[in-house]
C-alpha atoms as a PDB file:
ATOM      1  CA  MET A   1      24.817 -20.500 149.375  1.00  0.00           C
ATOM      2  CA  LYS A   2      25.783 -16.712 148.192  1.00  0.00           C
ATOM      3  CA  ASP A   3      22.056 -15.844 147.698  1.00  0.00           C
ATOM      4  CA  CYS A   4      20.948 -17.327 150.867  1.00  0.00           C
ATOM      5  CA  PRO A   5      21.194 -15.480 154.349  1.00  0.00           C
ATOM      6  CA  TYR A   6      20.798 -18.400 156.353  1.00  0.00           C
ATOM      7  CA  SER A   7      23.650 -20.713 157.595  1.00  0.00           C
ATOM      8  CA  GLU A   8      23.523 -24.467 156.338  1.00  0.00           C
ATOM      9  CA  SER A   9      21.997 -25.957 159.671  1.00  0.00           C
ATOM     10  CA  GLU A  10      19.234 -22.777 159.618  1.00  0.00           C
ATOM     11  CA  LEU A  11      18.493 -23.813 156.301  1.00  0.00           C
ATOM     12  CA  LEU A  12      17.775 -27.594 156.668  1.00  0.00           C
ATOM     13  CA  GLU A  13      15.885 -26.702 159.775  1.00  0.00           C
ATOM     14  CA  ILE A  14      13.807 -24.799 157.635  1.00  0.00           C
ATOM     15  CA  ALA A  15      13.474 -26.891 154.706  1.00  0.00           C
ATOM     16  CA  GLN A  16      12.369 -29.879 157.240  1.00  0.00           C
ATOM     17  CA  ARG A  17       9.405 -27.636 158.250  1.00  0.00           C
ATOM     18  CA  PHE A  18       8.574 -27.043 154.574  1.00  0.00           C
ATOM     19  CA  LYS A  19       8.746 -30.526 153.977  1.00  0.00           C
ATOM     20  CA  LYS A  20       6.263 -31.594 156.660  1.00  0.00           C
ATOM     21  CA  HIS A  21       3.683 -29.286 155.687  1.00  0.00           C
ATOM     22  CA  LEU A  22       4.157 -29.158 151.953  1.00  0.00           C
ATOM     23  CA  LYS A  23       1.140 -31.755 151.719  1.00  0.00           C
ATOM     24  CA  ASP A  24      -1.147 -28.892 153.123  1.00  0.00           C
ATOM     25  CA  LEU A  25      -0.333 -26.104 150.475  1.00  0.00           C
ATOM     26  CA  MET A  26      -0.885 -28.696 147.121  1.00  0.00           C
ATOM     27  CA  LEU A  27      -4.247 -29.060 148.467  1.00  0.00           C
ATOM     28  CA  VAL A  28      -4.940 -25.321 147.931  1.00  0.00           C
ATOM     29  CA  PRO A  29      -6.672 -24.916 144.593  1.00  0.00           C
ATOM     30  CA  GLY A  30      -5.344 -22.993 141.928  1.00  0.00           C
ATOM     31  CA  LEU A  31      -1.342 -23.071 142.797  1.00  0.00           C
ATOM     32  CA  ASP A  32       1.467 -22.543 140.142  1.00  0.00           C
ATOM     33  CA  PRO A  33       1.198 -25.465 138.029  1.00  0.00           C
ATOM     34  CA  GLU A  34       5.006 -25.740 138.307  1.00  0.00           C
ATOM     35  CA  LEU A  35       3.989 -26.932 142.176  1.00  0.00           C
ATOM     36  CA  ASN A  36       2.736 -30.412 141.173  1.00  0.00           C
ATOM     37  CA  GLN A  37       3.992 -34.090 142.327  1.00  0.00           C
ATOM     38  CA  ASP A  38       7.120 -33.469 140.551  1.00  0.00           C
ATOM     39  CA  PHE A  39       7.666 -30.489 142.841  1.00  0.00           C
ATOM     40  CA  VAL A  40       7.263 -32.374 145.448  1.00  0.00           C
ATOM     41  CA  TYR A  41       9.949 -35.291 144.842  1.00  0.00           C
ATOM     42  CA  ARG A  42      12.458 -32.920 143.670  1.00  0.00           C
ATOM     43  CA  PHE A  43      12.099 -30.903 146.647  1.00  0.00           C
ATOM     44  CA  LYS A  44      12.493 -34.128 148.880  1.00  0.00           C
ATOM     45  CA  ALA A  45      15.374 -35.305 147.116  1.00  0.00           C
ATOM     46  CA  ARG A  46      17.291 -32.502 147.550  1.00  0.00           C
ATOM     47  CA  PHE A  47      16.368 -31.870 151.085  1.00  0.00           C
ATOM     48  CA  TYR A  48      17.302 -35.503 151.971  1.00  0.00           C
ATOM     49  CA  GLU A  49      20.867 -35.277 149.668  1.00  0.00           C
ATOM     50  CA  ALA A  50      21.797 -32.051 151.496  1.00  0.00           C
ATOM     51  CA  GLN A  51      20.805 -33.095 155.136  1.00  0.00           C
ATOM     52  CA  ALA A  52      23.125 -36.783 154.238  1.00  0.00           C
ATOM     53  CA  HIS A  53      26.008 -34.645 153.506  1.00  0.00           C
ATOM     54  CA  ALA A  54      25.052 -31.654 155.560  1.00  0.00           C
ATOM     55  CA  HIS A  55      28.678 -30.407 157.546  1.00  0.00           C
ATOM     56  CA  PRO A  56      30.104 -31.429 159.795  1.00  0.00           C
ATOM     57  CA  HIS A  57      29.809 -34.885 158.894  1.00  0.00           C
ATOM     58  CA  PRO A  58      31.858 -37.436 160.535  1.00  0.00           C
ATOM     59  CA  LEU A  59      33.198 -39.082 157.565  1.00  0.00           C
ATOM     60  CA  ASP A  60      34.718 -35.852 156.500  1.00  0.00           C
ATOM     61  CA  ALA A  61      36.476 -35.396 159.833  1.00  0.00           C
ATOM     62  CA  ALA A  62      37.902 -39.101 159.335  1.00  0.00           C
ATOM     63  CA  ALA A  63      39.123 -38.236 156.007  1.00  0.00           C
ATOM     64  CA  ASP A  64      40.679 -35.099 157.142  1.00  0.00           C
ATOM     65  CA  GLN A  65      42.582 -37.013 159.712  1.00  0.00           C
ATOM     66  CA  LYS A  66      44.266 -39.277 157.149  1.00  0.00           C
ATOM     67  CA  ALA A  67      44.740 -36.176 154.718  1.00  0.00           C
ATOM     68  CA  LEU A  68      47.051 -34.569 158.079  1.00  0.00           C
ATOM     69  CA  HIS A  69      48.064 -37.829 158.064  1.00  0.00           C
ATOM     70  CA  LEU A  70      49.554 -38.159 154.452  1.00  0.00           C
ATOM     71  CA  LYS A  71      50.913 -34.602 154.749  1.00  0.00           C
ATOM     72  CA  GLU A  72      53.088 -35.734 157.757  1.00  0.00           C
ATOM     73  CA  GLU A  73      54.464 -38.450 155.857  1.00  0.00           C
ATOM     74  CA  LEU A  74      54.919 -36.342 153.083  1.00  0.00           C
ATOM     75  CA  GLU A  75      57.188 -33.818 155.163  1.00  0.00           C
ATOM     76  CA  VAL A  76      59.087 -37.080 156.527  1.00  0.00           C
ATOM     77  CA  LEU A  77      59.980 -37.860 153.406  1.00  0.00           C
ATOM     78  CA  THR A  78      60.944 -34.499 152.218  1.00  0.00           C
ATOM     79  CA  GLU A  79      63.351 -34.471 154.949  1.00  0.00           C
ATOM     80  CA  GLN A  80      64.727 -37.850 153.907  1.00  0.00           C
ATOM     81  CA  ILE A  81      65.092 -37.374 150.439  1.00  0.00           C
ATOM     82  CA  ARG A  82      67.005 -33.673 151.371  1.00  0.00           C
ATOM     83  CA  SER A  83      69.324 -35.549 153.738  1.00  0.00           C
ATOM     84  CA  VAL A  84      70.247 -38.321 151.435  1.00  0.00           C
ATOM     85  CA  PHE A  85      70.577 -35.248 148.680  1.00  0.00           C
ATOM     86  CA  ARG A  86      73.476 -33.278 150.862  1.00  0.00           C
ATOM     87  CA  VAL A  87      75.364 -36.432 151.343  1.00  0.00           C
ATOM     88  CA  PHE A  88      75.266 -37.238 147.335  1.00  0.00           C
ATOM     89  CA  ARG A  89      76.032 -33.638 146.517  1.00  0.00           C
ATOM     90  CA  PHE A  90      79.178 -33.747 149.058  1.00  0.00           C
ATOM     91  CA  ASN A  91      80.062 -37.031 147.221  1.00  0.00           C
ATOM     92  CA  ILE A  92      79.927 -34.822 144.148  1.00  0.00           C
ATOM     93  CA  GLN A  93      81.824 -32.452 145.235  1.00  0.00           C
ATOM     94  CA  LYS A  94      84.556 -34.128 146.675  1.00  0.00           C
ATOM     95  CA  ALA A  95      85.249 -36.001 143.760  1.00  0.00           C
ATOM     96  CA  CYS A  96      85.714 -33.372 141.522  1.00  0.00           C
ATOM     97  CA  PRO A  97      86.447 -30.423 143.824  1.00  0.00           C
ATOM     98  CA  TYR A  98      87.582 -28.182 140.399  1.00  0.00           C
ATOM     99  CA  GLY A  99      84.574 -29.386 138.138  1.00  0.00           C
ATOM    100  CA  SER A 100      81.818 -27.077 139.952  1.00  0.00           C
ATOM    101  CA  GLU A 101      80.218 -27.377 136.345  1.00  0.00           C
ATOM    102  CA  ILE A 102      79.496 -30.910 137.265  1.00  0.00           C
ATOM    103  CA  TRP A 103      77.925 -30.818 140.575  1.00  0.00           C
ATOM    104  CA  ASP A 104      76.032 -27.639 139.570  1.00  0.00           C
ATOM    105  CA  THR A 105      74.130 -29.298 137.171  1.00  0.00           C
ATOM    106  CA  TYR A 106      72.155 -31.107 140.204  1.00  0.00           C
ATOM    107  CA  GLY A 107      70.716 -27.932 141.486  1.00  0.00           C
ATOM    108  CA  TYR A 108      70.804 -28.411 144.912  1.00  0.00           C
ATOM    109  CA  SER A 109      69.337 -24.665 145.782  1.00  0.00           C
ATOM    110  CA  ASN A 110      66.332 -26.177 143.572  1.00  0.00           C
ATOM    111  CA  LEU A 111      65.531 -28.805 145.966  1.00  0.00           C
ATOM    112  CA  GLU A 112      65.953 -26.477 149.008  1.00  0.00           C
ATOM    113  CA  TYR A 113      63.032 -24.069 147.630  1.00  0.00           C
ATOM    114  CA  ALA A 114      61.024 -26.658 145.868  1.00  0.00           C
ATOM    115  CA  HIS A 115      60.096 -28.710 148.976  1.00  0.00           C
ATOM    116  CA  LEU A 116      57.603 -25.981 150.294  1.00  0.00           C
ATOM    117  CA  ASP A 117      55.632 -27.298 147.132  1.00  0.00           C
ATOM    118  CA  TYR A 118      54.686 -31.156 147.100  1.00  0.00           C
ATOM    119  CA  GLU A 119      53.880 -30.642 143.302  1.00  0.00           C
ATOM    120  CA  ALA A 120      57.128 -28.661 142.631  1.00  0.00           C
ATOM    121  CA  PHE A 121      59.499 -31.091 144.947  1.00  0.00           C
ATOM    122  CA  GLN A 122      57.871 -34.009 142.744  1.00  0.00           C
ATOM    123  CA  SER A 123      58.406 -32.641 139.452  1.00  0.00           C
ATOM    124  CA  TYR A 124      61.871 -31.783 140.635  1.00  0.00           C
ATOM    125  CA  LEU A 125      62.528 -35.006 141.982  1.00  0.00           C
ATOM    126  CA  THR A 126      61.303 -36.596 138.745  1.00  0.00           C
ATOM    127  CA  GLY A 127      63.904 -34.669 136.693  1.00  0.00           C
ATOM    128  CA  PHE A 128      66.423 -35.063 138.914  1.00  0.00           C
ATOM    129  CA  LEU A 129      66.405 -39.133 138.495  1.00  0.00           C
ATOM    130  CA  LYS A 130      66.337 -38.400 134.710  1.00  0.00           C
ATOM    131  CA  LEU A 131      69.430 -36.396 134.838  1.00  0.00           C
ATOM    132  CA  ALA A 132      71.279 -38.498 137.062  1.00  0.00           C
ATOM    133  CA  ASN A 133      70.480 -41.884 134.816  1.00  0.00           C
ATOM    134  CA  GLU A 134      71.503 -39.958 131.958  1.00  0.00           C
ATOM    135  CA  LYS A 135      74.884 -39.013 133.376  1.00  0.00           C
ATOM    136  CA  MET A 136      75.793 -42.392 135.363  1.00  0.00           C
ATOM    137  CA  ASP A 137      78.739 -42.994 133.533  1.00  0.00           C
ATOM    138  CA  ASP A 138      79.965 -39.327 134.226  1.00  0.00           C
ATOM    139  CA  LEU A 139      79.265 -40.057 138.312  1.00  0.00           C
ATOM    140  CA  GLN A 140      81.042 -43.432 138.095  1.00  0.00           C
ATOM    141  CA  ALA A 141      84.022 -41.956 136.498  1.00  0.00           C
ATOM    142  CA  ALA A 142      83.727 -39.390 139.381  1.00  0.00           C
ATOM    143  CA  ASN A 143      84.058 -42.044 142.073  1.00  0.00           C
ATOM    144  CA  CYS A 144      80.303 -40.790 143.240  1.00  0.00           C
ATOM    145  CA  PRO A 145      78.749 -43.832 145.419  1.00  0.00           C
ATOM    146  CA  THR A 146      75.476 -44.915 143.549  1.00  0.00           C
ATOM    147  CA  HIS A 147      74.089 -45.912 146.400  1.00  0.00           C
ATOM    148  CA  ASP A 148      72.856 -42.691 147.410  1.00  0.00           C
ATOM    149  CA  LEU A 149      70.665 -42.347 143.893  1.00  0.00           C
ATOM    150  CA  GLU A 150      69.423 -45.710 144.494  1.00  0.00           C
ATOM    151  CA  GLU A 151      68.135 -44.543 147.828  1.00  0.00           C
ATOM    152  CA  ILE A 152      66.768 -41.384 146.533  1.00  0.00           C
ATOM    153  CA  ALA A 153      64.814 -43.048 143.909  1.00  0.00           C
ATOM    154  CA  VAL A 154      63.334 -45.536 146.542  1.00  0.00           C
ATOM    155  CA  LEU A 155      61.947 -42.388 148.452  1.00  0.00           C
ATOM    156  CA  ALA A 156      60.911 -40.529 145.792  1.00  0.00           C
ATOM    157  CA  GLN A 157      58.810 -43.722 144.428  1.00  0.00           C
ATOM    158  CA  LEU A 158      57.071 -43.474 147.892  1.00  0.00           C
ATOM    159  CA  PHE A 159      56.717 -40.004 148.061  1.00  0.00           C
ATOM    160  CA  ASN A 160      55.489 -39.835 144.838  1.00  0.00           C
ATOM    161  CA  HIS A 161      52.852 -42.651 145.732  1.00  0.00           C
ATOM    162  CA  LYS A 162      52.024 -40.361 149.226  1.00  0.00           C
ATOM    163  CA  HIS A 163      51.575 -37.315 146.901  1.00  0.00           C
ATOM    164  CA  GLU A 164      49.430 -38.910 144.542  1.00  0.00           C
ATOM    165  CA  GLU A 165      47.011 -40.349 147.201  1.00  0.00           C
ATOM    166  CA  LEU A 166      46.883 -37.258 148.883  1.00  0.00           C
ATOM    167  CA  ALA A 167      46.061 -35.437 145.528  1.00  0.00           C
ATOM    168  CA  GLU A 168      43.195 -37.633 145.034  1.00  0.00           C
ATOM    169  CA  TYR A 169      41.908 -37.035 148.687  1.00  0.00           C
ATOM    170  CA  VAL A 170      41.703 -33.272 147.777  1.00  0.00           C
ATOM    171  CA  GLU A 171      40.117 -34.119 144.113  1.00  0.00           C
ATOM    172  CA  ARG A 172      37.177 -35.797 146.042  1.00  0.00           C
ATOM    173  CA  LYS A 173      36.730 -33.772 148.539  1.00  0.00           C
ATOM    174  CA  GLU A 174      36.411 -30.994 146.037  1.00  0.00           C
ATOM    175  CA  ILE A 175      33.939 -32.513 143.735  1.00  0.00           C
ATOM    176  CA  ARG A 176      31.731 -33.455 147.284  1.00  0.00           C
ATOM    177  CA  GLU A 177      32.062 -29.674 148.048  1.00  0.00           C
ATOM    178  CA  GLN A 178      30.682 -28.954 144.522  1.00  0.00           C
ATOM    179  CA  VAL A 179      27.357 -31.448 144.470  1.00  0.00           C
ATOM    180  CA  TYR A 180      27.043 -30.510 148.384  1.00  0.00           C
ATOM    181  CA  ASN A 181      26.566 -26.906 147.140  1.00  0.00           C
ATOM    182  CA  THR A 182      24.471 -27.646 144.383  1.00  0.00           C
ATOM    183  CA  ASN A 183      22.045 -29.515 146.012  1.00  0.00           C
ATOM    184  CA  ILE A 184      21.848 -26.880 148.850  1.00  0.00           C
ATOM    185  CA  ASN A 185      21.497 -24.242 146.575  1.00  0.00           C
ATOM    186  CA  GLU A 186      18.847 -26.119 144.466  1.00  0.00           C
ATOM    187  CA  LEU A 187      16.845 -26.855 147.449  1.00  0.00           C
ATOM    188  CA  PHE A 188      16.948 -22.832 148.398  1.00  0.00           C
ATOM    189  CA  LYS A 189      15.482 -22.564 144.755  1.00  0.00           C
ATOM    190  CA  LEU A 190      12.813 -24.766 145.204  1.00  0.00           C
ATOM    191  CA  MET A 191      12.429 -23.168 148.726  1.00  0.00           C
ATOM    192  CA  LYS A 192      11.963 -19.881 147.398  1.00  0.00           C
ATOM    193  CA  MET A 193       8.990 -21.463 145.230  1.00  0.00           C
ATOM    194  CA  ILE A 194       6.972 -22.676 148.393  1.00  0.00           C
ATOM    195  CA  ASN A 195       7.244 -19.670 150.238  1.00  0.00           C
ATOM    196  CA  ASN A 196       6.352 -17.221 147.339  1.00  0.00           C
ATOM    197  CA  VAL A 197       3.326 -19.187 146.834  1.00  0.00           C
ATOM    198  CA  ALA A 198       2.771 -19.937 149.973  1.00  0.00           C
ATOM    199  CA  SER A 199       2.238 -15.879 150.757  1.00  0.00           C
ATOM    200  CA  GLY A 200      -0.047 -15.535 147.563  1.00  0.00           C
ATOM    201  CA  ASN A 201      -2.039 -18.064 148.357  1.00  0.00           C
ATOM    202  CA  LEU A 202      -2.726 -19.160 152.085  1.00  0.00           C
ATOM    203  CA  HIS A 203      -3.770 -15.497 153.806  1.00  0.00           C
ATOM    204  CA  LYS A 204      -6.891 -17.496 155.026  1.00  0.00           C
ATOM    205  CA  ASN A 205      -4.926 -19.883 156.268  1.00  0.00           C
ATOM    206  CA  PRO A 206      -2.506 -18.275 158.534  1.00  0.00           C
ATOM    207  CA  GLU A 207      -1.498 -21.555 160.781  1.00  0.00           C
ATOM    208  CA  THR A 208      -0.335 -23.390 157.715  1.00  0.00           C
ATOM    209  CA  LEU A 209       1.044 -20.372 156.090  1.00  0.00           C
ATOM    210  CA  LYS A 210       3.684 -19.308 159.278  1.00  0.00           C
ATOM    211  CA  ASN A 211       4.916 -22.933 158.305  1.00  0.00           C
ATOM    212  CA  LEU A 212       5.622 -22.349 154.787  1.00  0.00           C
ATOM    213  CA  LEU A 213       7.056 -18.959 155.018  1.00  0.00           C
ATOM    214  CA  PHE A 214      10.850 -17.851 155.756  1.00  0.00           C
ATOM    215  CA  PRO A 215      11.695 -16.594 159.066  1.00  0.00           C
ATOM    216  CA  PRO A 216      11.365 -12.658 159.278  1.00  0.00           C
ATOM    217  CA  LYS A 217      15.266 -13.199 158.165  1.00  0.00           C
ATOM    218  CA  ALA A 218      14.886 -13.546 154.925  1.00  0.00           C
ATOM    219  CA  GLY A 219      13.141 -10.084 154.694  1.00  0.00           C
ATOM    220  CA  SER A 220      15.219  -9.242 151.485  1.00  0.00           C
ATOM    221  CA  LEU A 221      13.858 -12.458 149.332  1.00  0.00           C
END
């Protein structure tokens, strides 16, 4: 819509008028050969597609609510994981009070920063659990309770599931936006053709002409 001076609702209203009176333009002899029956089909198809997915759409609102709910669930899971991780790190410190190189390996500070970014948090959790499993013998030797790790692993799995669900929603929404913008832009291009052909061929029929021209707002076209 970068080249269009109208809002989406304005453009669809004008397109509705063009569609209603397009048959009158098709009756004029000597028209641009591009304005044939195939053109009419393309114009109507783009119009109906754009109209069906016009913003705001009720389905978009419902989907956005679901996305908001997923984000809230991810926030809760993030805090739960961080809380359990604090207990895990405390046990590591308690079991190895003079072996900071052991518990520093698990990078508590990384987790604190990573929670601000879901993807970074997910990546950190994956790396953390992989390291913890590789070092299980060391953890047991340090008398660190493994149930904390098991709880983190369960929460991490749930977090990954919710994060993937949110990522899929965002991707689907972006695709819908791209398709919608393509339809709107293509519709506008077809409308400009109608406007230009009508302005050059309907001077003797002012009533029909006014129904197939953009409003004065489009004077730059």
